[in-house]
């Protein structure tokens, strides 16, 4: 009979040995895994250039090796180790999948930037449709519907309205004339090859009709007023017969142009101004120059600190008052109130253009900007106005009315202001003036008005002084340029629509 005292220690030893071996193996595996993970994390921290996929693979391999060691040491933990390995593998695959999904997300900003780069001020039309043999976002009319004799042009790759204005009108600033003749182009920044432009329509017909319907007045030198050669003195005249040559007199309708011409320059439009509401709201203004300490004049009673092209400036006003970064604004200086020359009623306030400012950055109440163009000194307190798109009118200048031509009977007004101020006593050809007729009076850019004066030398007579061409129009005022002159003009002279 076996003694219980001898059997119990043997049984306890048999049970304790496997448990001890399992615990030791598990501890060793855990330590190995922890060490490998620390090594992997350290490697990842030291070398940030390594990819997530590579790090995950290393971690997976380490865990698998540890699992293999555990399996060898303890068959009892085989199932648990496989589950851990499976979880690690799934984790590696999930991490790799996330990396692949994240890759396109990193490329999206670059794609958007590349799409926006060519068009900083406007976006290209997105919806294109096929017209004939080309694609376009517009609905251009059939060229066969243009008036007979109209000049057309098919857009080619690389064309711009600016370049076409230079090509056809010899003045790139006349590109708005092409845009106005092709109103189906909704965004002048984007034109498409294959679309057909109307280059000359009514303007060309007007010039042709005017040249064909005018007999022309012969002037000294043997040319007519239309620019065509006239009869030379005595040419083809029999000896003793009356000469066919006719000299120009003060009674003739002279002047004008044979074809359409630009009625103004860019400077005329963007460096003069207009007559507007006396209390026109202009909340944004020039607050201070960036280099104010350089401009300060020690000892001066009045600090006249003005700026010009290229200067950096702080603007009192921001996004809450309508300013936007990247946009260009006109610099406007409010001037004197303009009275009617006869009734002395206030017509409005004269606003003078001083230059252009581009906003670089803006917050709610303040902005920073740079002066991109200056017509004259820009003072502190000058106002900002949204940049208007002003096309240069293109038209044929008519002849001056002849001495016996009657009045047109259309709207009459007055010269109420002129570039240079009220101190100018006489005005001549090329100067800019303001009149008290505007859009509401059926006066539009490109129209002509005759300037005349009522004389009272024994009898009241209408004396023709010259012609002015309207450049821009407000509600009841307009800016015009003197294009023909027979006599000197002055503020207070009357005007009449042709």
Protein backbone atom coordinates (compact mmCIF):
# COMPACT_ATOMS: atom_id res chain seq x y z
CA UNK A 1 0.00 0.00 0.00
CA UNK A 2 1.39 3.38 -1.08
CA UNK A 3 1.63 6.02 1.51
CA UNK A 4 -0.32 9.23 0.95
CA UNK A 5 2.60 11.30 2.20
CA UNK A 6 4.75 10.03 -0.71
CA UNK A 7 2.10 10.43 -3.44
CA UNK A 8 0.93 13.99 -2.67
CA UNK A 9 4.30 15.73 -3.31
CA UNK A 10 4.63 13.89 -6.62
CA UNK A 11 1.14 14.99 -7.73
CA UNK A 12 1.82 18.57 -6.67
CA UNK A 13 5.08 18.58 -8.62
CA UNK A 14 3.36 17.19 -11.75
CA UNK A 15 0.75 19.94 -11.67
CA UNK A 16 3.15 22.78 -10.80
CA UNK A 17 5.73 22.12 -13.54
CA UNK A 18 3.37 22.67 -16.56
CA UNK A 19 1.86 25.76 -14.97
CA UNK A 20 5.30 27.19 -14.26
CA UNK A 21 6.45 26.43 -17.81
CA UNK A 22 3.35 28.09 -19.29
CA UNK A 23 3.78 31.21 -17.17
CA UNK A 24 7.46 31.49 -18.05
CA UNK A 25 6.79 31.08 -21.78
CA UNK A 26 3.98 33.68 -21.69
CA UNK A 27 6.17 36.15 -19.82
CA UNK A 28 9.04 35.63 -22.26
CA UNK A 29 6.71 36.11 -25.26
CA UNK A 30 5.25 39.27 -23.81
CA UNK A 31 8.67 40.70 -23.09
CA UNK A 32 9.86 39.83 -26.60
CA UNK A 33 6.80 41.46 -28.18
CA UNK A 34 7.17 44.59 -26.04
CA UNK A 35 10.87 44.86 -26.88
CA UNK A 36 10.18 44.46 -30.61
CA UNK A 37 7.40 47.02 -30.51
CA UNK A 38 9.61 49.51 -28.71
CA UNK A 39 12.34 48.91 -31.27
CA UNK A 40 9.87 49.38 -34.11
CA UNK A 41 8.46 52.60 -32.62
CA UNK A 42 11.95 53.93 -32.05
CA UNK A 43 12.88 53.14 -35.65
CA UNK A 44 9.74 54.84 -36.87
CA UNK A 45 10.47 57.91 -34.77
CA UNK A 46 14.08 58.09 -35.88
CA UNK A 47 13.27 57.62 -39.58
CA UNK A 48 10.04 59.53 -40.41
CA UNK A 49 10.64 58.93 -44.11
CA UNK A 50 9.70 55.25 -43.75
CA UNK A 51 6.16 54.46 -44.88
CA UNK A 52 3.35 53.22 -42.68
CA UNK A 53 3.19 50.03 -44.66
CA UNK A 54 6.83 49.20 -43.90
CA UNK A 55 6.38 49.90 -40.17
CA UNK A 56 3.26 47.78 -39.96
CA UNK A 57 4.98 44.88 -41.73
CA UNK A 58 7.86 44.95 -39.24
CA UNK A 59 5.45 44.99 -36.33
CA UNK A 60 3.48 42.16 -37.86
CA UNK A 61 6.62 40.09 -38.37
CA UNK A 62 7.72 40.71 -34.81
CA UNK A 63 4.38 39.68 -33.39
CA UNK A 64 4.28 36.58 -35.60
CA UNK A 65 7.74 35.52 -34.44
CA UNK A 66 6.68 35.97 -30.85
CA UNK A 67 3.56 33.99 -31.55
CA UNK A 68 5.65 31.22 -33.10
CA UNK A 69 7.82 31.10 -30.02
CA UNK A 70 4.79 30.91 -27.82
CA UNK A 71 3.32 28.12 -29.91
CA UNK A 72 6.51 26.11 -29.67
CA UNK A 73 6.79 26.57 -25.94
CA UNK A 74 3.17 26.04 -25.08
CA UNK A 75 0.73 24.07 -27.24
CA UNK A 76 -2.02 25.17 -24.87
CA UNK A 77 -1.82 28.81 -26.14
CA UNK A 78 -1.87 27.94 -29.86
CA UNK A 79 -5.41 29.17 -30.47
CA UNK A 80 -4.86 32.47 -28.63
CA UNK A 81 -1.62 33.12 -30.51
CA UNK A 82 -3.25 32.54 -33.89
CA UNK A 83 -5.99 35.00 -33.00
CA UNK A 84 -3.40 37.57 -32.01
CA UNK A 85 -1.51 37.01 -35.26
CA UNK A 86 -4.74 37.28 -37.24
CA UNK A 87 -5.59 40.56 -35.47
CA UNK A 88 -2.12 41.91 -36.18
CA UNK A 89 -2.37 40.94 -39.87
CA UNK A 90 -5.80 42.56 -40.12
CA UNK A 91 -4.37 45.65 -38.44
CA UNK A 92 -1.55 45.75 -40.99
CA UNK A 93 -3.99 45.38 -43.89
CA UNK A 94 -6.29 48.03 -42.42
CA UNK A 95 -3.39 50.41 -41.96
CA UNK A 96 -2.21 49.79 -45.54
CA UNK A 97 -5.77 50.30 -46.83
CA UNK A 98 -6.07 53.55 -44.91
CA UNK A 99 -2.79 54.67 -46.38
CA UNK A 100 -4.04 53.92 -49.89
CA UNK A 101 -7.27 55.76 -49.21
CA UNK A 102 -5.38 58.72 -47.78
CA UNK A 103 -3.12 58.99 -50.81
CA UNK A 104 -5.77 60.48 -53.16
CA UNK A 105 -6.85 62.87 -50.40
CA UNK A 106 -3.33 64.29 -50.30
CA UNK A 107 -3.38 64.85 -54.06
CA UNK A 108 -6.72 66.70 -54.15
CA UNK A 109 -5.41 70.08 -52.94
CA UNK A 110 -2.69 70.00 -55.62
CA UNK A 111 -5.29 69.23 -58.26
CA UNK A 112 -7.51 72.11 -57.18
CA UNK A 113 -4.59 74.49 -57.07
CA UNK A 114 -3.58 73.55 -60.60
CA UNK A 115 -7.12 74.12 -61.81
CA UNK A 116 -7.39 77.55 -60.23
CA UNK A 117 -3.94 78.82 -61.14
CA UNK A 118 -4.68 79.93 -64.75
CA UNK A 119 -7.75 81.94 -63.72
CA UNK A 120 -7.09 84.01 -60.63
CA UNK A 121 -9.90 86.51 -61.24
CA UNK A 122 -12.54 84.27 -62.79
CA UNK A 123 -13.44 80.63 -63.29
CA UNK A 124 -13.84 79.11 -66.75
CA UNK A 125 -17.34 78.04 -67.75
CA UNK A 126 -17.90 74.40 -66.82
CA UNK A 127 -20.75 73.28 -69.06
CA UNK A 128 -19.60 72.90 -72.67
CA UNK A 129 -21.65 71.81 -75.63
CA UNK A 130 -20.77 71.13 -79.23
CA UNK A 131 -21.60 73.77 -81.84
CA UNK A 132 -20.67 72.66 -85.34
CA UNK A 133 -17.18 71.20 -85.14
CA UNK A 134 -16.03 72.76 -81.85
CA UNK A 135 -16.94 72.93 -78.16
CA UNK A 136 -18.09 76.13 -76.45
CA UNK A 137 -20.00 77.17 -73.31
CA UNK A 138 -21.77 79.96 -75.21
CA UNK A 139 -24.57 80.14 -77.75
CA UNK A 140 -23.01 82.09 -80.62
CA UNK A 141 -25.38 83.25 -83.38
CA UNK A 142 -25.17 81.84 -86.88
CA UNK A 143 -22.66 83.99 -88.82
CA UNK A 144 -25.18 84.02 -91.69
CA UNK A 145 -27.47 86.13 -89.47
CA UNK A 146 -24.95 88.99 -89.30
CA UNK A 147 -25.75 92.09 -91.41
CA UNK A 148 -24.49 91.93 -95.03
CA UNK A 149 -20.94 93.16 -95.40
CA UNK A 150 -20.09 92.64 -91.75
CA UNK A 151 -16.54 91.67 -90.92
CA UNK A 152 -16.17 88.47 -88.91
CA UNK A 153 -13.30 86.54 -87.36
CA UNK A 154 -13.06 82.91 -86.25
CA UNK A 155 -11.30 82.58 -82.89
CA UNK A 156 -8.06 80.60 -82.93
CA UNK A 157 -6.18 78.98 -80.08
CA UNK A 158 -4.20 81.57 -78.12
CA UNK A 159 -6.41 84.52 -79.07
CA UNK A 160 -7.56 87.09 -76.49
CA UNK A 161 -9.90 90.05 -76.87
CA UNK A 162 -6.99 92.28 -75.86
CA UNK A 163 -4.84 90.99 -78.74
CA UNK A 164 -7.75 91.17 -81.19
CA UNK A 165 -8.39 94.78 -80.20
CA UNK A 166 -4.78 95.55 -81.10
CA UNK A 167 -5.04 93.54 -84.34
CA UNK A 168 -8.22 95.07 -85.71
CA UNK A 169 -8.36 98.55 -84.12
CA UNK A 170 -4.62 99.14 -83.59
CA UNK A 171 -5.43 99.80 -79.93
CA UNK A 172 -5.65 96.97 -77.40
CA UNK A 173 -7.73 99.11 -75.05
CA UNK A 174 -10.56 98.97 -77.58
CA UNK A 175 -11.20 95.27 -76.86
CA UNK A 176 -14.53 96.12 -75.11
CA UNK A 177 -15.82 97.17 -78.54
CA UNK A 178 -15.48 93.57 -79.71
CA UNK A 179 -17.12 92.33 -76.50
CA UNK A 180 -20.04 94.74 -76.90
CA UNK A 181 -20.59 93.59 -80.49
CA UNK A 182 -20.70 89.96 -79.30
CA UNK A 183 -23.00 90.03 -76.28
CA UNK A 184 -23.29 86.22 -76.29
CA UNK A 185 -19.83 86.10 -74.65
CA UNK A 186 -20.81 86.24 -70.98
CA UNK A 187 -17.23 86.27 -69.62
CA UNK A 188 -14.63 88.25 -71.56
CA UNK A 189 -11.81 86.31 -69.88
CA UNK A 190 -12.75 83.13 -71.75
CA UNK A 191 -13.18 82.81 -75.52
CA UNK A 192 -13.16 79.50 -77.38
CA UNK A 193 -11.56 78.47 -80.70
CA UNK A 194 -14.13 78.00 -83.43
CA UNK A 195 -16.56 80.68 -82.25
CA UNK A 196 -17.13 83.43 -84.83
CA UNK A 197 -16.82 87.06 -83.69
CA UNK A 198 -18.50 90.07 -85.25
CA UNK A 199 -15.60 92.51 -85.54
CA UNK A 200 -17.34 95.34 -87.35
CA UNK A 201 -21.08 95.62 -87.59
CA UNK A 202 -23.05 98.82 -87.44
CA UNK A 203 -19.92 100.92 -86.97
CA UNK A 204 -18.44 99.72 -90.26
CA UNK A 205 -21.75 100.26 -92.09
CA UNK A 206 -22.05 103.73 -90.61
CA UNK A 207 -18.57 104.61 -91.80
CA UNK A 208 -19.19 103.18 -95.27
CA UNK A 209 -22.55 104.95 -95.59
CA UNK A 210 -21.09 108.20 -94.35
CA UNK A 211 -18.21 108.04 -96.83
CA UNK A 212 -20.46 107.06 -99.74
CA UNK A 213 -23.18 109.59 -98.98
CA UNK A 214 -20.86 112.57 -98.53
CA UNK A 215 -19.85 114.49 -101.61
CA UNK A 216 -16.95 115.99 -99.70
CA UNK A 217 -15.81 119.57 -99.43
CA UNK A 218 -12.61 120.49 -101.21
CA UNK A 219 -10.00 122.07 -98.99
CA UNK A 220 -6.71 123.71 -99.75
CA UNK A 221 -4.27 121.14 -101.14
CA UNK A 222 -6.75 119.46 -103.46
CA UNK A 223 -8.38 116.99 -101.01
CA UNK A 224 -12.00 116.69 -99.95
CA UNK A 225 -13.18 116.65 -96.36
CA UNK A 226 -13.54 112.87 -96.63
CA UNK A 227 -9.84 112.53 -97.40
CA UNK A 228 -10.26 111.72 -101.12
CA UNK A 229 -8.28 113.61 -103.76
CA UNK A 230 -10.25 116.53 -105.21
CA UNK A 231 -9.95 118.51 -108.41
CA UNK A 232 -6.65 120.33 -108.68
CA UNK A 233 -6.77 124.05 -109.51
CA UNK A 234 -7.21 124.44 -113.28
CA UNK A 235 -7.00 120.70 -113.96
CA UNK A 236 -9.22 119.79 -116.92
CA UNK A 237 -10.47 123.37 -117.29
CA UNK A 238 -10.37 125.01 -120.70
CA UNK A 239 -8.49 128.26 -121.03
CA UNK A 240 -10.78 131.09 -120.03
CA UNK A 241 -13.46 128.81 -118.49
CA UNK A 242 -14.37 129.14 -114.79
CA UNK A 243 -12.25 126.98 -112.46
CA UNK A 244 -13.84 123.92 -110.83
CA UNK A 245 -11.71 124.31 -107.72
CA UNK A 246 -13.63 125.31 -104.59
CA UNK A 247 -12.03 126.64 -101.46
CA UNK A 248 -13.30 125.82 -97.99
CA UNK A 249 -15.10 128.64 -96.23
CA UNK A 250 -16.36 129.21 -92.72
CA UNK A 251 -19.87 128.33 -93.91
CA UNK A 252 -18.99 124.76 -94.95
CA UNK A 253 -19.56 121.58 -92.94
CA UNK A 254 -15.98 120.51 -92.36
CA UNK A 255 -14.05 118.29 -90.02
CA UNK A 256 -14.99 114.80 -88.96
CA UNK A 257 -13.37 111.48 -89.81
CA UNK A 258 -13.74 109.08 -92.72
CA UNK A 259 -14.16 106.02 -90.49
CA UNK A 260 -14.54 104.93 -86.89
CA UNK A 261 -11.87 106.20 -84.51
CA UNK A 262 -11.25 105.86 -80.80
CA UNK A 263 -12.89 108.81 -79.11
CA UNK A 264 -10.70 108.70 -76.01
CA UNK A 265 -7.67 107.12 -74.38
CA UNK A 266 -7.44 104.98 -71.26
CA UNK A 267 -6.16 108.00 -69.35
CA UNK A 268 -9.23 110.03 -70.35
CA UNK A 269 -11.50 107.39 -68.83
CA UNK A 270 -9.58 106.34 -65.72
CA UNK A 271 -7.81 109.57 -64.73
CA UNK A 272 -10.56 112.19 -64.86
CA UNK A 273 -13.75 111.48 -62.93
CA UNK A 274 -17.47 112.12 -62.93
CA UNK A 275 -20.29 114.12 -61.33
CA UNK A 276 -22.25 112.00 -58.86
CA UNK A 277 -24.50 112.18 -55.84
CA UNK A 278 -23.25 114.82 -53.37
CA UNK A 279 -23.48 112.24 -50.58
CA UNK A 280 -22.43 109.12 -52.46
CA UNK A 281 -21.60 106.40 -49.90
CA UNK A 282 -17.90 105.56 -50.06
CA UNK A 283 -17.10 103.89 -46.71
CA UNK A 284 -13.57 102.65 -47.49
CA UNK A 285 -10.68 105.10 -47.43
CA UNK A 286 -6.89 105.41 -47.37
CA UNK A 287 -5.90 105.43 -43.69
CA UNK A 288 -2.10 105.46 -43.57
CA UNK A 289 0.99 104.72 -45.62
CA UNK A 290 3.26 101.84 -44.64
CA UNK A 291 6.36 104.10 -44.52
CA UNK A 292 4.67 107.01 -42.78
CA UNK A 293 7.77 107.90 -40.73
CA UNK A 294 9.76 108.58 -43.93
CA UNK A 295 7.12 110.97 -45.23
CA UNK A 296 6.85 113.05 -42.06
CA UNK A 297 8.14 116.60 -42.45
CA UNK A 298 9.50 117.96 -39.14
CA UNK A 299 8.40 121.50 -38.43
CA UNK A 300 5.77 121.63 -41.17
CA UNK A 301 2.48 123.19 -40.09
CA UNK A 302 0.53 121.07 -42.56
CA UNK A 303 1.66 117.54 -43.31
CA UNK A 304 0.80 116.77 -46.95
CA UNK A 305 1.64 113.08 -47.00
CA UNK A 306 0.63 111.72 -50.38
CA UNK A 307 1.32 108.42 -52.12
CA UNK A 308 1.85 107.16 -55.64
CA UNK A 309 2.33 103.98 -57.67
CA UNK A 310 4.05 101.13 -55.80
CA UNK A 311 3.34 102.43 -52.28
CA UNK A 312 1.96 100.11 -49.61
CA UNK A 313 -1.08 101.39 -47.75
CA UNK A 314 -3.42 100.57 -44.87
CA UNK A 315 -7.12 100.84 -45.70
CA UNK A 316 -9.84 101.78 -43.21
CA UNK A 317 -12.42 99.19 -44.28
CA UNK A 318 -12.59 95.47 -44.91
CA UNK A 319 -14.84 92.60 -45.85
CA UNK A 320 -17.72 94.03 -43.81
CA UNK A 321 -17.74 97.11 -46.05
CA UNK A 322 -17.41 95.25 -49.35
CA UNK A 323 -13.66 94.93 -49.89
CA UNK A 324 -12.24 91.64 -51.19
CA UNK A 325 -8.61 90.50 -51.36
CA UNK A 326 -7.27 90.42 -54.92
CA UNK A 327 -9.73 92.98 -56.29
CA UNK A 328 -8.74 96.38 -57.73
CA UNK A 329 -10.54 99.60 -56.76
CA UNK A 330 -10.53 103.15 -58.09
CA UNK A 331 -9.11 105.84 -55.81
CA UNK A 332 -11.62 108.69 -55.69
CA UNK A 333 -11.25 112.16 -54.15
CA UNK A 334 -14.52 114.07 -53.55
CA UNK A 335 -14.26 117.65 -54.83
CA UNK A 336 -16.57 120.66 -55.04
CA UNK A 337 -20.31 120.80 -55.57
CA UNK A 338 -21.20 121.61 -59.19
CA UNK A 339 -23.97 124.21 -59.73
CA UNK A 340 -26.08 124.74 -62.83
CA UNK A 341 -24.52 127.68 -64.77
CA UNK A 342 -27.89 129.43 -65.16
CA UNK A 343 -30.21 128.35 -62.34
CA UNK A 344 -27.36 127.71 -59.85
CA UNK A 345 -29.12 124.55 -58.71
CA UNK A 346 -26.73 121.92 -57.35
CA UNK A 347 -26.24 119.20 -59.98
CA UNK A 348 -23.98 116.98 -57.88
CA UNK A 349 -20.46 116.63 -56.57
CA UNK A 350 -17.37 116.23 -58.73
CA UNK A 351 -15.38 113.07 -57.95
CA UNK A 352 -11.81 112.93 -59.24
CA UNK A 353 -10.04 109.68 -60.10
CA UNK A 354 -6.52 109.61 -58.62
CA UNK A 355 -5.40 106.04 -59.36
CA UNK A 356 -6.03 102.38 -58.63
CA UNK A 357 -5.41 100.23 -55.54
CA UNK A 358 -5.34 96.43 -55.28
CA UNK A 359 -6.33 94.83 -51.98
CA UNK A 360 -3.69 92.32 -50.82
CA UNK A 361 -5.40 91.03 -47.67
CA UNK A 362 -8.48 92.00 -45.74
CA UNK A 363 -10.23 91.24 -42.47
CA UNK A 364 -13.59 92.52 -41.27
CA UNK A 365 -12.63 96.15 -40.64
CA UNK A 366 -9.11 96.72 -42.03
CA UNK A 367 -7.19 95.91 -45.20
CA UNK A 368 -3.72 96.17 -46.65
CA UNK A 369 -3.17 97.19 -50.26
CA UNK A 370 -0.74 98.47 -52.88
CA UNK A 371 -1.11 101.35 -55.33
CA UNK A 372 -1.01 99.84 -58.83
CA UNK A 373 -1.56 103.06 -60.78
CA UNK A 374 -1.51 106.76 -59.93
CA UNK A 375 -2.82 109.61 -62.07
CA UNK A 376 -1.91 112.21 -59.44
CA UNK A 377 -0.90 112.33 -55.77
CA UNK A 378 -3.11 110.13 -53.58
CA UNK A 379 -3.85 111.83 -50.24
CA UNK A 380 -4.76 110.33 -46.88
CA UNK A 381 -8.56 110.06 -46.75
CA UNK A 382 -9.01 109.28 -50.45
CA UNK A 383 -11.99 106.97 -51.01
CA UNK A 384 -12.20 103.59 -52.72
CA UNK A 385 -14.80 102.80 -55.37
CA UNK A 386 -15.36 99.49 -57.20
CA UNK A 387 -13.38 99.40 -60.44
CA UNK A 388 -15.71 100.21 -63.35
CA UNK A 389 -15.27 98.52 -66.73
CA UNK A 390 -15.36 101.49 -69.11
CA UNK A 391 -15.09 100.70 -72.83
CA UNK A 392 -13.50 103.25 -75.13
CA UNK A 393 -16.21 104.46 -77.54
CA UNK A 394 -15.47 103.87 -81.22
CA UNK A 395 -17.35 105.94 -83.81
CA UNK A 396 -17.04 108.15 -86.88
CA UNK A 397 -16.74 111.82 -85.95
CA UNK A 398 -19.35 113.80 -87.92
CA UNK A 399 -18.66 117.05 -89.72
CA UNK A 400 -19.37 120.31 -87.95
CA UNK A 401 -22.79 121.73 -88.84
CA UNK A 402 -22.68 124.16 -91.75
CA UNK A 403 -23.57 127.82 -91.32
CA UNK A 404 -27.06 127.31 -92.76
CA UNK A 405 -27.83 124.02 -91.00
CA UNK A 406 -30.76 124.33 -88.57
CA UNK A 407 -30.72 123.15 -84.97
CA UNK A 408 -31.55 119.50 -84.39
CA UNK A 409 -34.34 120.27 -81.97
CA UNK A 410 -33.16 117.53 -79.59
CA UNK A 411 -32.14 117.74 -75.92
CA UNK A 412 -30.18 120.83 -74.83
CA UNK A 413 -27.81 121.21 -71.93
CA UNK A 414 -24.72 123.06 -70.72
CA UNK A 415 -21.01 122.63 -70.18
CA UNK A 416 -20.93 122.63 -66.37
CA UNK A 417 -17.33 121.65 -65.51
CA UNK A 418 -13.98 120.91 -67.16
CA UNK A 419 -10.79 119.07 -66.38
CA UNK A 420 -8.46 121.53 -64.72
CA UNK A 421 -11.03 123.42 -62.65
CA UNK A 422 -13.18 126.50 -62.94
CA UNK A 423 -10.22 128.84 -63.35
CA UNK A 424 -9.87 127.78 -67.01
CA UNK A 425 -11.33 130.59 -69.10
CA UNK A 426 -11.14 128.90 -72.49
CA UNK A 427 -11.49 125.28 -73.56
CA UNK A 428 -10.17 123.65 -76.72
CA UNK A 429 -9.91 120.42 -78.67
CA UNK A 430 -8.82 117.39 -76.66
CA UNK A 431 -9.99 118.67 -73.26
CA UNK A 432 -12.48 116.78 -71.09
CA UNK A 433 -15.71 118.40 -69.95
CA UNK A 434 -18.86 117.60 -67.98
CA UNK A 435 -22.40 118.25 -69.21
CA UNK A 436 -25.76 118.18 -67.41
CA UNK A 437 -27.30 115.52 -69.69
CA UNK A 438 -27.08 111.80 -69.00
CA UNK A 439 -28.64 108.38 -69.49
CA UNK A 440 -32.07 109.51 -68.35
CA UNK A 441 -31.89 112.22 -71.02
CA UNK A 442 -31.18 109.60 -73.75
CA UNK A 443 -27.48 110.52 -73.90
CA UNK A 444 -25.21 107.47 -74.20
CA UNK A 445 -21.43 106.95 -74.69
CA UNK A 446 -20.47 107.35 -78.36
CA UNK A 447 -22.99 110.10 -79.08
CA UNK A 448 -22.06 113.56 -80.33
CA UNK A 449 -23.32 116.96 -79.24
CA UNK A 450 -22.85 120.32 -80.88
CA UNK A 451 -21.49 123.11 -78.66
CA UNK A 452 -22.98 126.51 -79.41
CA UNK A 453 -23.41 129.96 -77.89
CA UNK A 454 -26.26 132.43 -78.16
CA UNK A 455 -24.87 135.80 -79.26
CA UNK A 456 -26.68 139.05 -78.57
CA UNK A 457 -24.98 141.51 -80.89
CA UNK A 458 -28.06 143.36 -82.02
CA UNK A 459 -29.88 140.06 -82.66
CA UNK A 460 -29.87 136.65 -80.99
CA UNK A 461 -28.01 134.12 -83.10
CA UNK A 462 -26.75 130.60 -82.59
CA UNK A 463 -22.98 130.43 -83.02
CA UNK A 464 -21.55 126.91 -83.50
CA UNK A 465 -18.35 126.42 -81.50
CA UNK A 466 -17.50 122.74 -81.99
CA UNK A 467 -18.36 119.10 -81.27
CA UNK A 468 -18.02 116.94 -78.18
CA UNK A 469 -18.18 113.12 -77.92
CA UNK A 470 -19.73 111.45 -74.88
CA UNK A 471 -17.38 109.00 -73.14
CA UNK A 472 -19.31 107.97 -70.00
CA UNK A 473 -22.80 108.77 -68.73
CA UNK A 474 -24.40 108.95 -65.29
CA UNK A 475 -28.09 109.52 -64.60
CA UNK A 476 -28.21 113.23 -65.45
CA UNK A 477 -24.57 114.05 -66.18
CA UNK A 478 -21.95 112.83 -68.64
CA UNK A 479 -18.23 113.11 -69.33
CA UNK A 480 -17.31 114.20 -72.85
CA UNK A 481 -14.25 115.12 -74.90
CA UNK A 482 -13.95 118.04 -77.31
CA UNK A 483 -13.23 116.42 -80.69
CA UNK A 484 -13.77 119.38 -83.05
CA UNK A 485 -13.43 123.10 -82.46
CA UNK A 486 -14.34 126.13 -84.51
CA UNK A 487 -14.24 128.72 -81.71
CA UNK A 488 -12.91 128.64 -78.16
CA UNK A 489 -15.39 127.31 -75.60
CA UNK A 490 -16.01 128.00 -71.92
CA UNK A 491 -18.05 126.63 -69.05
CA UNK A 492 -21.64 127.78 -69.48
CA UNK A 493 -21.80 127.23 -73.25
CA UNK A 494 -24.79 125.24 -74.45
CA UNK A 495 -24.81 121.77 -76.03
CA UNK A 496 -27.34 120.04 -78.28
CA UNK A 497 -27.66 116.38 -79.20
CA UNK A 498 -26.93 115.82 -82.91
